[in-house]
C-alpha cells in the first residue's frame, strides 16, 4: 500500500499463488479499496521475459478480468529480493526473521520504485 499522497510504500501482506490467494486478494481489495494493483514481474537480468514472467502476466490478466474497475500494472522486480536482503542485513535482523520478512519487504521495494518513477 502507499500513503494517500502516493509517496511512501508499506507492506500489508504476501500471498503465494496457489492456496487461497484470490480470497486474500478479495479481502485486501474490500479493506483498502485500491485504484491500482501493482504486480511484480520477474524479468530476467537480460530484460527478457521468461516462463515465470509469462505466468505472472496470465495471472495479471485474470486479476484484470476479476476487477475491471481497478487498474492492474506490472513492474520489473529484478534485484528487489537482493535489495530487501541487504536492508534486513544492515538492520541486523536474524536469519530466521529475515526469511519471514523478505517477501513483504521486496514488495515494498517494488512499490516504492514504481511510486518514485511516477
PDB file of N, CA and C in Angstrom:
ATOM      1  N   UNK A   1       0.847  -1.180   0.000  1.00  0.00           N
ATOM      2  CA  UNK A   1       0.000   0.000   0.000  1.00  0.00           C
ATOM      3  C   UNK A   1       0.886   1.234   0.000  1.00  0.00           C
ATOM      4  N   UNK A   2       0.319   2.306  -0.496  1.00  0.00           N
ATOM      5  CA  UNK A   2       1.019   3.577  -0.375  1.00  0.00           C
ATOM      6  C   UNK A   2       0.169   4.509   0.481  1.00  0.00           C
ATOM      7  N   UNK A   3       0.787   5.574   0.921  1.00  0.00           N
ATOM      8  CA  UNK A   3       0.059   6.587   1.659  1.00  0.00           C
ATOM      9  C   UNK A   3      -0.877   7.304   0.685  1.00  0.00           C
ATOM     10  N   UNK A   4      -1.813   8.108   1.187  1.00  0.00           N
ATOM     11  CA  UNK A   4      -2.775   8.767   0.290  1.00  0.00           C
ATOM     12  C   UNK A   4      -2.136   9.667  -0.780  1.00  0.00           C
ATOM     13  N   UNK A   5      -0.968  10.202  -0.504  1.00  0.00           N
ATOM     14  CA  UNK A   5      -0.299  11.060  -1.481  1.00  0.00           C
ATOM     15  C   UNK A   5       0.542  10.267  -2.485  1.00  0.00           C
ATOM     16  N   UNK A   6       0.695   8.976  -2.258  1.00  0.00           N
ATOM     17  CA  UNK A   6       1.478   8.143  -3.166  1.00  0.00           C
ATOM     18  C   UNK A   6       2.968   8.377  -3.077  1.00  0.00           C
ATOM     19  N   UNK A   7       3.443   8.681  -1.867  1.00  0.00           N
ATOM     20  CA  UNK A   7       4.864   8.954  -1.677  1.00  0.00           C
ATOM     21  C   UNK A   7       5.627   7.791  -1.051  1.00  0.00           C
ATOM     22  N   UNK A   8       4.968   7.062  -0.140  1.00  0.00           N
ATOM     23  CA  UNK A   8       5.657   6.038   0.628  1.00  0.00           C
ATOM     24  C   UNK A   8       4.935   4.693   0.535  1.00  0.00           C
ATOM     25  N   UNK A   9       5.717   3.636   0.364  1.00  0.00           N
ATOM     26  CA  UNK A   9       5.169   2.281   0.294  1.00  0.00           C
ATOM     27  C   UNK A   9       5.262   1.616   1.655  1.00  0.00           C
ATOM     28  N   UNK A  10       4.299   0.737   1.931  1.00  0.00           N
ATOM     29  CA  UNK A  10       4.353  -0.087   3.129  1.00  0.00           C
ATOM     30  C   UNK A  10       3.759  -1.444   2.793  1.00  0.00           C
ATOM     31  N   UNK A  11       4.243  -2.473   3.445  1.00  0.00           N
ATOM     32  CA  UNK A  11       3.767  -3.825   3.194  1.00  0.00           C
ATOM     33  C   UNK A  11       2.533  -4.137   4.013  1.00  0.00           C
ATOM     34  N   UNK A  12       1.581  -4.839   3.381  1.00  0.00           N
ATOM     35  CA  UNK A  12       0.383  -5.262   4.107  1.00  0.00           C
ATOM     36  C   UNK A  12       0.222  -6.779   4.112  1.00  0.00           C
ATOM     37  N   UNK A  13       0.899  -7.484   3.219  1.00  0.00           N
ATOM     38  CA  UNK A  13       0.772  -8.932   3.193  1.00  0.00           C
ATOM     39  C   UNK A  13       1.458  -9.530   1.990  1.00  0.00           C
ATOM     40  N   UNK A  14       1.631 -10.833   2.045  1.00  0.00           N
ATOM     41  CA  UNK A  14       2.234 -11.588   0.940  1.00  0.00           C
ATOM     42  C   UNK A  14       1.364 -12.818   0.725  1.00  0.00           C
ATOM     43  N   UNK A  15       0.988 -13.043  -0.519  1.00  0.00           N
ATOM     44  CA  UNK A  15       0.183 -14.210  -0.854  1.00  0.00           C
ATOM     45  C   UNK A  15       0.881 -14.985  -1.943  1.00  0.00           C
ATOM     46  N   UNK A  16       1.083 -16.257  -1.702  1.00  0.00           N
ATOM     47  CA  UNK A  16       1.665 -17.135  -2.705  1.00  0.00           C
ATOM     48  C   UNK A  16       0.562 -17.655  -3.619  1.00  0.00           C
ATOM     49  N   UNK A  17       0.832 -17.641  -4.918  1.00  0.00           N
ATOM     50  CA  UNK A  17      -0.134 -18.181  -5.855  1.00  0.00           C
ATOM     51  C   UNK A  17      -0.276 -19.658  -5.545  1.00  0.00           C
ATOM     52  N   UNK A  18      -1.466 -20.088  -5.432  1.00  0.00           N
ATOM     53  CA  UNK A  18      -1.742 -21.466  -5.057  1.00  0.00           C
ATOM     54  C   UNK A  18      -2.926 -21.479  -4.134  1.00  0.00           C
ATOM     55  N   UNK A  19      -2.698 -21.758  -2.903  1.00  0.00           N
ATOM     56  CA  UNK A  19      -3.736 -21.917  -1.885  1.00  0.00           C
ATOM     57  C   UNK A  19      -4.968 -21.028  -2.114  1.00  0.00           C
ATOM     58  N   UNK A  20      -5.160 -20.046  -1.297  1.00  0.00           N
ATOM     59  CA  UNK A  20      -6.348 -19.191  -1.364  1.00  0.00           C
ATOM     60  C   UNK A  20      -5.979 -17.739  -1.622  1.00  0.00           C
ATOM     61  N   UNK A  21      -5.042 -17.503  -2.517  1.00  0.00           N
ATOM     62  CA  UNK A  21      -4.583 -16.140  -2.747  1.00  0.00           C
ATOM     63  C   UNK A  21      -5.700 -15.242  -3.268  1.00  0.00           C
ATOM     64  N   UNK A  22      -6.625 -15.788  -4.032  1.00  0.00           N
ATOM     65  CA  UNK A  22      -7.730 -14.971  -4.560  1.00  0.00           C
ATOM     66  C   UNK A  22      -8.626 -14.471  -3.433  1.00  0.00           C
ATOM     67  N   UNK A  23      -8.880 -15.321  -2.453  1.00  0.00           N
ATOM     68  CA  UNK A  23      -9.685 -14.892  -1.309  1.00  0.00           C
ATOM     69  C   UNK A  23      -8.974 -13.815  -0.505  1.00  0.00           C
ATOM     70  N   UNK A  24      -7.673 -13.985  -0.320  1.00  0.00           N
ATOM     71  CA  UNK A  24      -6.884 -12.984   0.402  1.00  0.00           C
ATOM     72  C   UNK A  24      -6.868 -11.665  -0.362  1.00  0.00           C
ATOM     73  N   UNK A  25      -6.752 -11.743  -1.696  1.00  0.00           N
ATOM     74  CA  UNK A  25      -6.773 -10.530  -2.510  1.00  0.00           C
ATOM     75  C   UNK A  25      -8.138  -9.852  -2.425  1.00  0.00           C
ATOM     76  N   UNK A  26      -9.223 -10.637  -2.487  1.00  0.00           N
ATOM     77  CA  UNK A  26     -10.567 -10.070  -2.340  1.00  0.00           C
ATOM     78  C   UNK A  26     -10.696  -9.324  -1.020  1.00  0.00           C
ATOM     79  N   UNK A  27     -10.239  -9.941   0.056  1.00  0.00           N
ATOM     80  CA  UNK A  27     -10.304  -9.299   1.376  1.00  0.00           C
ATOM     81  C   UNK A  27      -9.516  -7.998   1.391  1.00  0.00           C
ATOM     82  N   UNK A  28      -8.334  -8.026   0.796  1.00  0.00           N
ATOM     83  CA  UNK A  28      -7.484  -6.840   0.761  1.00  0.00           C
ATOM     84  C   UNK A  28      -8.146  -5.714  -0.047  1.00  0.00           C
ATOM     85  N   UNK A  29      -8.739  -6.060  -1.169  1.00  0.00           N
ATOM     86  CA  UNK A  29      -9.397  -5.052  -2.009  1.00  0.00           C
ATOM     87  C   UNK A  29     -10.597  -4.459  -1.275  1.00  0.00           C
ATOM     88  N   UNK A  30     -11.370  -5.294  -0.591  1.00  0.00           N
ATOM     89  CA  UNK A  30     -12.503  -4.772   0.185  1.00  0.00           C
ATOM     90  C   UNK A  30     -12.031  -3.848   1.311  1.00  0.00           C
ATOM     91  N   UNK A  31     -10.939  -4.222   1.939  1.00  0.00           N
ATOM     92  CA  UNK A  31     -10.443  -3.436   3.075  1.00  0.00           C
ATOM     93  C   UNK A  31      -9.824  -2.108   2.647  1.00  0.00           C
ATOM     94  N   UNK A  32      -8.993  -2.131   1.592  1.00  0.00           N
ATOM     95  CA  UNK A  32      -8.224  -0.934   1.235  1.00  0.00           C
ATOM     96  C   UNK A  32      -8.776  -0.157   0.044  1.00  0.00           C
ATOM     97  N   UNK A  33      -9.626  -0.773  -0.765  1.00  0.00           N
ATOM     98  CA  UNK A  33     -10.242  -0.125  -1.926  1.00  0.00           C
ATOM     99  C   UNK A  33      -9.221   0.592  -2.821  1.00  0.00           C
ATOM    100  N   UNK A  34      -8.251  -0.136  -3.350  1.00  0.00           N
ATOM    101  CA  UNK A  34      -7.219   0.499  -4.193  1.00  0.00           C
ATOM    102  C   UNK A  34      -7.769   0.875  -5.564  1.00  0.00           C
ATOM    103  N   UNK A  35      -7.137   1.867  -6.184  1.00  0.00           N
ATOM    104  CA  UNK A  35      -7.498   2.185  -7.565  1.00  0.00           C
ATOM    105  C   UNK A  35      -6.518   1.543  -8.545  1.00  0.00           C
ATOM    106  N   UNK A  36      -5.377   1.066  -8.020  1.00  0.00           N
ATOM    107  CA  UNK A  36      -4.372   0.393  -8.845  1.00  0.00           C
ATOM    108  C   UNK A  36      -3.792  -0.790  -8.066  1.00  0.00           C
ATOM    109  N   UNK A  37      -3.592  -1.898  -8.771  1.00  0.00           N
ATOM    110  CA  UNK A  37      -2.874  -3.045  -8.211  1.00  0.00           C
ATOM    111  C   UNK A  37      -1.570  -3.175  -8.974  1.00  0.00           C
ATOM    112  N   UNK A  38      -0.482  -3.263  -8.262  1.00  0.00           N
ATOM    113  CA  UNK A  38       0.833  -3.409  -8.871  1.00  0.00           C
ATOM    114  C   UNK A  38       1.335  -4.818  -8.626  1.00  0.00           C
ATOM    115  N   UNK A  39       1.760  -5.485  -9.698  1.00  0.00           N
ATOM    116  CA  UNK A  39       2.223  -6.861  -9.617  1.00  0.00           C
ATOM    117  C   UNK A  39       3.675  -6.915 -10.054  1.00  0.00           C
ATOM    118  N   UNK A  40       4.524  -7.501  -9.221  1.00  0.00           N
ATOM    119  CA  UNK A  40       5.934  -7.654  -9.570  1.00  0.00           C
ATOM    120  C   UNK A  40       6.103  -8.619 -10.725  1.00  0.00           C
ATOM    121  N   UNK A  41       6.872  -8.208 -11.721  1.00  0.00           N
ATOM    122  CA  UNK A  41       7.109  -9.031 -12.905  1.00  0.00           C
ATOM    123  C   UNK A  41       8.538  -9.565 -12.866  1.00  0.00           C
ATOM    124  N   UNK A  42       8.700 -10.894 -12.769  1.00  0.00           N
ATOM    125  CA  UNK A  42      10.045 -11.483 -12.678  1.00  0.00           C
ATOM    126  C   UNK A  42      10.751 -11.531 -14.041  1.00  0.00           C
ATOM    127  N   UNK A  43      11.357 -10.419 -14.396  1.00  0.00           N
ATOM    128  CA  UNK A  43      12.085 -10.301 -15.658  1.00  0.00           C
ATOM    129  C   UNK A  43      13.509 -10.817 -15.443  1.00  0.00           C
ATOM    130  N   UNK A  44      14.053 -11.471 -16.455  1.00  0.00           N
ATOM    131  CA  UNK A  44      15.437 -11.958 -16.359  1.00  0.00           C
ATOM    132  C   UNK A  44      16.396 -10.779 -16.329  1.00  0.00           C
ATOM    133  N   UNK A  45      17.609 -11.020 -15.855  1.00  0.00           N
ATOM    134  CA  UNK A  45      18.595  -9.934 -15.771  1.00  0.00           C
ATOM    135  C   UNK A  45      18.905  -9.341 -17.140  1.00  0.00           C
ATOM    136  N   UNK A  46      18.654 -10.103 -18.206  1.00  0.00           N
ATOM    137  CA  UNK A  46      18.855  -9.607 -19.569  1.00  0.00           C
ATOM    138  C   UNK A  46      17.717  -8.707 -20.023  1.00  0.00           C
ATOM    139  N   UNK A  47      16.638  -8.656 -19.239  1.00  0.00           N
ATOM    140  CA  UNK A  47      15.472  -7.874 -19.607  1.00  0.00           C
ATOM    141  C   UNK A  47      14.413  -8.685 -20.340  1.00  0.00           C
ATOM    142  N   UNK A  48      14.713  -9.942 -20.630  1.00  0.00           N
ATOM    143  CA  UNK A  48      13.759 -10.799 -21.333  1.00  0.00           C
ATOM    144  C   UNK A  48      12.744 -11.388 -20.362  1.00  0.00           C
ATOM    145  N   UNK A  49      11.570 -11.692 -20.904  1.00  0.00           N
ATOM    146  CA  UNK A  49      10.528 -12.334 -20.104  1.00  0.00           C
ATOM    147  C   UNK A  49      10.622 -13.836 -20.304  1.00  0.00           C
ATOM    148  N   UNK A  50      10.762 -14.546 -19.203  1.00  0.00           N
ATOM    149  CA  UNK A  50      10.838 -15.998 -19.256  1.00  0.00           C
ATOM    150  C   UNK A  50       9.510 -16.636 -18.901  1.00  0.00           C
ATOM    151  N   UNK A  51       9.553 -17.909 -18.586  1.00  0.00           N
ATOM    152  CA  UNK A  51       8.355 -18.680 -18.261  1.00  0.00           C
ATOM    153  C   UNK A  51       7.626 -18.092 -17.056  1.00  0.00           C
ATOM    154  N   UNK A  52       8.365 -17.728 -16.018  1.00  0.00           N
ATOM    155  CA  UNK A  52       7.736 -17.177 -14.813  1.00  0.00           C
ATOM    156  C   UNK A  52       7.041 -15.850 -15.101  1.00  0.00           C
ATOM    157  N   UNK A  53       7.666 -15.004 -15.913  1.00  0.00           N
ATOM    158  CA  UNK A  53       7.048 -13.729 -16.267  1.00  0.00           C
ATOM    159  C   UNK A  53       5.759 -13.954 -17.043  1.00  0.00           C
ATOM    160  N   UNK A  54       5.764 -14.911 -17.949  1.00  0.00           N
ATOM    161  CA  UNK A  54       4.553 -15.221 -18.713  1.00  0.00           C
ATOM    162  C   UNK A  54       3.442 -15.705 -17.788  1.00  0.00           C
ATOM    163  N   UNK A  55       3.798 -16.490 -16.787  1.00  0.00           N
ATOM    164  CA  UNK A  55       2.825 -16.965 -15.802  1.00  0.00           C
ATOM    165  C   UNK A  55       2.229 -15.782 -15.036  1.00  0.00           C
ATOM    166  N   UNK A  56       3.079 -14.857 -14.622  1.00  0.00           N
ATOM    167  CA  UNK A  56       2.618 -13.680 -13.887  1.00  0.00           C
ATOM    168  C   UNK A  56       1.715 -12.819 -14.774  1.00  0.00           C
ATOM    169  N   UNK A  57       2.050 -12.685 -16.048  1.00  0.00           N
ATOM    170  CA  UNK A  57       1.215 -11.906 -16.958  1.00  0.00           C
ATOM    171  C   UNK A  57      -0.169 -12.532 -17.127  1.00  0.00           C
ATOM    172  N   UNK A  58      -0.233 -13.857 -17.148  1.00  0.00           N
ATOM    173  CA  UNK A  58      -1.537 -14.537 -17.216  1.00  0.00           C
ATOM    174  C   UNK A  58      -2.347 -14.273 -15.943  1.00  0.00           C
ATOM    175  N   UNK A  59      -1.680 -14.301 -14.801  1.00  0.00           N
ATOM    176  CA  UNK A  59      -2.358 -14.007 -13.537  1.00  0.00           C
ATOM    177  C   UNK A  59      -2.829 -12.553 -13.523  1.00  0.00           C
ATOM    178  N   UNK A  60      -2.013 -11.647 -14.026  1.00  0.00           N
ATOM    179  CA  UNK A  60      -2.400 -10.234 -14.102  1.00  0.00           C
ATOM    180  C   UNK A  60      -3.650 -10.070 -14.962  1.00  0.00           C
ATOM    181  N   UNK A  61      -3.719 -10.785 -16.079  1.00  0.00           N
ATOM    182  CA  UNK A  61      -4.901 -10.724 -16.938  1.00  0.00           C
ATOM    183  C   UNK A  61      -6.137 -11.255 -16.211  1.00  0.00           C
ATOM    184  N   UNK A  62      -5.943 -12.320 -15.436  1.00  0.00           N
ATOM    185  CA  UNK A  62      -7.044 -12.882 -14.649  1.00  0.00           C
ATOM    186  C   UNK A  62      -7.535 -11.869 -13.611  1.00  0.00           C
ATOM    187  N   UNK A  63      -6.610 -11.183 -12.979  1.00  0.00           N
ATOM    188  CA  UNK A  63      -6.969 -10.163 -11.988  1.00  0.00           C
ATOM    189  C   UNK A  63      -7.689  -9.006 -12.673  1.00  0.00           C
ATOM    190  N   UNK A  64      -7.209  -8.584 -13.831  1.00  0.00           N
ATOM    191  CA  UNK A  64      -7.879  -7.512 -14.579  1.00  0.00           C
ATOM    192  C   UNK A  64      -9.322  -7.882 -14.885  1.00  0.00           C
ATOM    193  N   UNK A  65      -9.551  -9.129 -15.270  1.00  0.00           N
ATOM    194  CA  UNK A  65     -10.908  -9.596 -15.578  1.00  0.00           C
ATOM    195  C   UNK A  65     -11.790  -9.614 -14.330  1.00  0.00           C
ATOM    196  N   UNK A  66     -11.195  -9.972 -13.204  1.00  0.00           N
ATOM    197  CA  UNK A  66     -11.957 -10.055 -11.957  1.00  0.00           C
ATOM    198  C   UNK A  66     -12.284  -8.690 -11.368  1.00  0.00           C
ATOM    199  N   UNK A  67     -11.446  -7.708 -11.632  1.00  0.00           N
ATOM    200  CA  UNK A  67     -11.614  -6.364 -11.060  1.00  0.00           C
ATOM    201  C   UNK A  67     -11.535  -5.308 -12.169  1.00  0.00           C
ATOM    202  N   UNK A  68     -12.544  -5.230 -13.013  1.00  0.00           N
ATOM    203  CA  UNK A  68     -12.462  -4.324 -14.171  1.00  0.00           C
ATOM    204  C   UNK A  68     -12.358  -2.842 -13.807  1.00  0.00           C
ATOM    205  N   UNK A  69     -12.750  -2.468 -12.599  1.00  0.00           N
ATOM    206  CA  UNK A  69     -12.689  -1.065 -12.190  1.00  0.00           C
ATOM    207  C   UNK A  69     -11.354  -0.674 -11.566  1.00  0.00           C
ATOM    208  N   UNK A  70     -10.449  -1.641 -11.424  1.00  0.00           N
ATOM    209  CA  UNK A  70      -9.148  -1.381 -10.817  1.00  0.00           C
ATOM    210  C   UNK A  70      -8.069  -1.514 -11.884  1.00  0.00           C
ATOM    211  N   UNK A  71      -7.209  -0.522 -11.955  1.00  0.00           N
ATOM    212  CA  UNK A  71      -6.087  -0.570 -12.890  1.00  0.00           C
ATOM    213  C   UNK A  71      -5.076  -1.597 -12.387  1.00  0.00           C
ATOM    214  N   UNK A  72      -4.612  -2.482 -13.264  1.00  0.00           N
ATOM    215  CA  UNK A  72      -3.632  -3.505 -12.901  1.00  0.00           C
ATOM    216  C   UNK A  72      -2.374  -3.267 -13.733  1.00  0.00           C
ATOM    217  N   UNK A  73      -1.246  -3.103 -13.063  1.00  0.00           N
ATOM    218  CA  UNK A  73       0.027  -2.879 -13.740  1.00  0.00           C
ATOM    219  C   UNK A  73       1.057  -3.881 -13.239  1.00  0.00           C
ATOM    220  N   UNK A  74       2.027  -4.154 -14.092  1.00  0.00           N
ATOM    221  CA  UNK A  74       3.172  -4.962 -13.670  1.00  0.00           C
ATOM    222  C   UNK A  74       4.393  -4.055 -13.619  1.00  0.00           C
ATOM    223  N   UNK A  75       5.353  -4.477 -12.789  1.00  0.00           N
ATOM    224  CA  UNK A  75       6.573  -3.675 -12.608  1.00  0.00           C
ATOM    225  C   UNK A  75       7.751  -4.616 -12.433  1.00  0.00           C
ATOM    226  N   UNK A  76       8.818  -4.310 -13.101  1.00  0.00           N
ATOM    227  CA  UNK A  76      10.048  -5.102 -13.059  1.00  0.00           C
ATOM    228  C   UNK A  76      10.506  -5.296 -11.610  1.00  0.00           C
ATOM    229  N   UNK A  77      10.654  -6.561 -11.213  1.00  0.00           N
ATOM    230  CA  UNK A  77      11.065  -6.833  -9.833  1.00  0.00           C
ATOM    231  C   UNK A  77      12.509  -7.308  -9.720  1.00  0.00           C
ATOM    232  N   UNK A  78      13.284  -7.125 -10.796  1.00  0.00           N
ATOM    233  CA  UNK A  78      14.679  -7.568 -10.740  1.00  0.00           C
ATOM    234  C   UNK A  78      15.403  -6.956  -9.548  1.00  0.00           C
ATOM    235  N   UNK A  79      16.142  -7.777  -8.840  1.00  0.00           N
ATOM    236  CA  UNK A  79      17.037  -7.400  -7.739  1.00  0.00           C
ATOM    237  C   UNK A  79      16.323  -6.935  -6.479  1.00  0.00           C
ATOM    238  N   UNK A  80      14.993  -6.972  -6.448  1.00  0.00           N
ATOM    239  CA  UNK A  80      14.302  -6.474  -5.253  1.00  0.00           C
ATOM    240  C   UNK A  80      14.530  -7.371  -4.038  1.00  0.00           C
ATOM    241  N   UNK A  81      14.625  -8.666  -4.247  1.00  0.00           N
ATOM    242  CA  UNK A  81      14.896  -9.556  -3.118  1.00  0.00           C
ATOM    243  C   UNK A  81      16.296  -9.298  -2.572  1.00  0.00           C
ATOM    244  N   UNK A  82      17.255  -9.059  -3.457  1.00  0.00           N
ATOM    245  CA  UNK A  82      18.621  -8.756  -3.012  1.00  0.00           C
ATOM    246  C   UNK A  82      18.663  -7.437  -2.244  1.00  0.00           C
ATOM    247  N   UNK A  83      17.915  -6.456  -2.716  1.00  0.00           N
ATOM    248  CA  UNK A  83      17.854  -5.171  -2.011  1.00  0.00           C
ATOM    249  C   UNK A  83      17.226  -5.360  -0.636  1.00  0.00           C
ATOM    250  N   UNK A  84      16.120  -6.108  -0.589  1.00  0.00           N
ATOM    251  CA  UNK A  84      15.447  -6.360   0.690  1.00  0.00           C
ATOM    252  C   UNK A  84      16.372  -7.104   1.649  1.00  0.00           C
ATOM    253  N   UNK A  85      17.089  -8.089   1.132  1.00  0.00           N
ATOM    254  CA  UNK A  85      18.036  -8.850   1.960  1.00  0.00           C
ATOM    255  C   UNK A  85      19.101  -7.922   2.543  1.00  0.00           C
ATOM    256  N   UNK A  86      19.620  -7.026   1.732  1.00  0.00           N
ATOM    257  CA  UNK A  86      20.644  -6.095   2.197  1.00  0.00           C
ATOM    258  C   UNK A  86      20.101  -5.170   3.289  1.00  0.00           C
ATOM    259  N   UNK A  87      18.887  -4.680   3.101  1.00  0.00           N
ATOM    260  CA  UNK A  87      18.268  -3.811   4.108  1.00  0.00           C
ATOM    261  C   UNK A  87      18.129  -4.560   5.433  1.00  0.00           C
ATOM    262  N   UNK A  88      17.664  -5.800   5.363  1.00  0.00           N
ATOM    263  CA  UNK A  88      17.489  -6.583   6.585  1.00  0.00           C
ATOM    264  C   UNK A  88      18.820  -6.925   7.247  1.00  0.00           C
ATOM    265  N   UNK A  89      19.840  -7.185   6.433  1.00  0.00           N
ATOM    266  CA  UNK A  89      21.181  -7.431   6.987  1.00  0.00           C
ATOM    267  C   UNK A  89      21.707  -6.191   7.698  1.00  0.00           C
ATOM    268  N   UNK A  90      21.540  -5.033   7.056  1.00  0.00           N
ATOM    269  CA  UNK A  90      22.010  -3.779   7.662  1.00  0.00           C
ATOM    270  C   UNK A  90      21.248  -3.450   8.934  1.00  0.00           C
ATOM    271  N   UNK A  91      19.997  -3.904   9.017  1.00  0.00           N
ATOM    272  CA  UNK A  91      19.197  -3.684  10.223  1.00  0.00           C
ATOM    273  C   UNK A  91      19.478  -4.752  11.284  1.00  0.00           C
ATOM    274  N   UNK A  92      20.407  -5.666  10.971  1.00  0.00           N
ATOM    275  CA  UNK A  92      20.813  -6.727  11.886  1.00  0.00           C
ATOM    276  C   UNK A  92      19.650  -7.635  12.297  1.00  0.00           C
ATOM    277  N   UNK A  93      18.796  -7.943  11.311  1.00  0.00           N
ATOM    278  CA  UNK A  93      17.671  -8.849  11.540  1.00  0.00           C
ATOM    279  C   UNK A  93      18.199 -10.277  11.461  1.00  0.00           C
ATOM    280  N   UNK A  94      17.793 -11.118  12.400  1.00  0.00           N
ATOM    281  CA  UNK A  94      18.275 -12.502  12.429  1.00  0.00           C
ATOM    282  C   UNK A  94      17.852 -13.254  11.167  1.00  0.00           C
ATOM    283  N   UNK A  95      18.579 -14.310  10.849  1.00  0.00           N
ATOM    284  CA  UNK A  95      18.315 -15.090   9.634  1.00  0.00           C
ATOM    285  C   UNK A  95      16.875 -15.604   9.593  1.00  0.00           C
ATOM    286  N   UNK A  96      16.381 -16.143  10.704  1.00  0.00           N
ATOM    287  CA  UNK A  96      15.016 -16.694  10.716  1.00  0.00           C
ATOM    288  C   UNK A  96      13.977 -15.591  10.499  1.00  0.00           C
ATOM    289  N   UNK A  97      14.189 -14.431  11.083  1.00  0.00           N
ATOM    290  CA  UNK A  97      13.249 -13.322  10.893  1.00  0.00           C
ATOM    291  C   UNK A  97      13.360 -12.734   9.489  1.00  0.00           C
ATOM    292  N   UNK A  98      14.577 -12.778   8.904  1.00  0.00           N
ATOM    293  CA  UNK A  98      14.731 -12.306   7.521  1.00  0.00           C
ATOM    294  C   UNK A  98      13.865 -13.137   6.588  1.00  0.00           C
ATOM    295  N   UNK A  99      13.859 -14.455   6.777  1.00  0.00           N
ATOM    296  CA  UNK A  99      13.051 -15.341   5.927  1.00  0.00           C
ATOM    297  C   UNK A  99      11.574 -14.987   6.017  1.00  0.00           C
ATOM    298  N   UNK A 100      11.134 -14.573   7.191  1.00  0.00           N
ATOM    299  CA  UNK A 100       9.729 -14.221   7.403  1.00  0.00           C
ATOM    300  C   UNK A 100       9.361 -12.883   6.760  1.00  0.00           C
ATOM    301  N   UNK A 101      10.329 -12.000   6.635  1.00  0.00           N
ATOM    302  CA  UNK A 101      10.039 -10.630   6.226  1.00  0.00           C
ATOM    303  C   UNK A 101      10.472 -10.273   4.807  1.00  0.00           C
ATOM    304  N   UNK A 102      11.283 -11.100   4.187  1.00  0.00           N
ATOM    305  CA  UNK A 102      11.930 -10.694   2.945  1.00  0.00           C
ATOM    306  C   UNK A 102      10.950 -10.452   1.795  1.00  0.00           C
ATOM    307  N   UNK A 103       9.935 -11.306   1.651  1.00  0.00           N
ATOM    308  CA  UNK A 103       8.998 -11.125   0.549  1.00  0.00           C
ATOM    309  C   UNK A 103       8.187  -9.843   0.690  1.00  0.00           C
ATOM    310  N   UNK A 104       7.753  -9.561   1.899  1.00  0.00           N
ATOM    311  CA  UNK A 104       6.985  -8.330   2.130  1.00  0.00           C
ATOM    312  C   UNK A 104       7.856  -7.108   1.865  1.00  0.00           C
ATOM    313  N   UNK A 105       9.099  -7.133   2.322  1.00  0.00           N
ATOM    314  CA  UNK A 105       9.993  -6.008   2.093  1.00  0.00           C
ATOM    315  C   UNK A 105      10.326  -5.872   0.611  1.00  0.00           C
ATOM    316  N   UNK A 106      10.506  -6.975  -0.091  1.00  0.00           N
ATOM    317  CA  UNK A 106      10.753  -6.914  -1.538  1.00  0.00           C
ATOM    318  C   UNK A 106       9.555  -6.275  -2.246  1.00  0.00           C
ATOM    319  N   UNK A 107       8.341  -6.594  -1.803  1.00  0.00           N
ATOM    320  CA  UNK A 107       7.143  -5.977  -2.379  1.00  0.00           C
ATOM    321  C   UNK A 107       7.129  -4.473  -2.118  1.00  0.00           C
ATOM    322  N   UNK A 108       7.569  -4.069  -0.943  1.00  0.00           N
ATOM    323  CA  UNK A 108       7.666  -2.640  -0.625  1.00  0.00           C
ATOM    324  C   UNK A 108       8.678  -1.966  -1.559  1.00  0.00           C
ATOM    325  N   UNK A 109       9.797  -2.624  -1.814  1.00  0.00           N
ATOM    326  CA  UNK A 109      10.815  -2.078  -2.731  1.00  0.00           C
ATOM    327  C   UNK A 109      10.236  -1.919  -4.132  1.00  0.00           C
ATOM    328  N   UNK A 110       9.472  -2.903  -4.591  1.00  0.00           N
ATOM    329  CA  UNK A 110       8.841  -2.822  -5.916  1.00  0.00           C
ATOM    330  C   UNK A 110       7.903  -1.624  -5.969  1.00  0.00           C
ATOM    331  N   UNK A 111       7.024  -1.512  -4.980  1.00  0.00           N
ATOM    332  CA  UNK A 111       6.060  -0.400  -4.971  1.00  0.00           C
ATOM    333  C   UNK A 111       6.765   0.946  -4.851  1.00  0.00           C
ATOM    334  N   UNK A 112       7.761   1.032  -3.980  1.00  0.00           N
ATOM    335  CA  UNK A 112       8.455   2.304  -3.800  1.00  0.00           C
ATOM    336  C   UNK A 112       9.133   2.739  -5.088  1.00  0.00           C
ATOM    337  N   UNK A 113       9.735   1.805  -5.823  1.00  0.00           N
ATOM    338  CA  UNK A 113      10.391   2.190  -7.093  1.00  0.00           C
ATOM    339  C   UNK A 113       9.343   2.637  -8.106  1.00  0.00           C
ATOM    340  N   UNK A 114       8.180   2.007  -8.109  1.00  0.00           N
ATOM    341  CA  UNK A 114       7.091   2.410  -9.012  1.00  0.00           C
ATOM    342  C   UNK A 114       6.591   3.810  -8.637  1.00  0.00           C
ATOM    343  N   UNK A 115       6.406   4.055  -7.344  1.00  0.00           N
ATOM    344  CA  UNK A 115       5.955   5.375  -6.890  1.00  0.00           C
ATOM    345  C   UNK A 115       6.958   6.464  -7.267  1.00  0.00           C
ATOM    346  N   UNK A 116       8.233   6.169  -7.087  1.00  0.00           N
ATOM    347  CA  UNK A 116       9.265   7.160  -7.420  1.00  0.00           C
ATOM    348  C   UNK A 116       9.319   7.422  -8.919  1.00  0.00           C
ATOM    349  N   UNK A 117       9.048   6.422  -9.721  1.00  0.00           N
ATOM    350  CA  UNK A 117       9.039   6.583 -11.185  1.00  0.00           C
ATOM    351  C   UNK A 117       7.864   7.461 -11.630  1.00  0.00           C
ATOM    352  N   UNK A 118       6.748   7.360 -10.902  1.00  0.00           N
ATOM    353  CA  UNK A 118       5.567   8.158 -11.229  1.00  0.00           C
ATOM    354  C   UNK A 118       5.817   9.606 -10.894  1.00  0.00           C
TER     355      UNK A 118
END
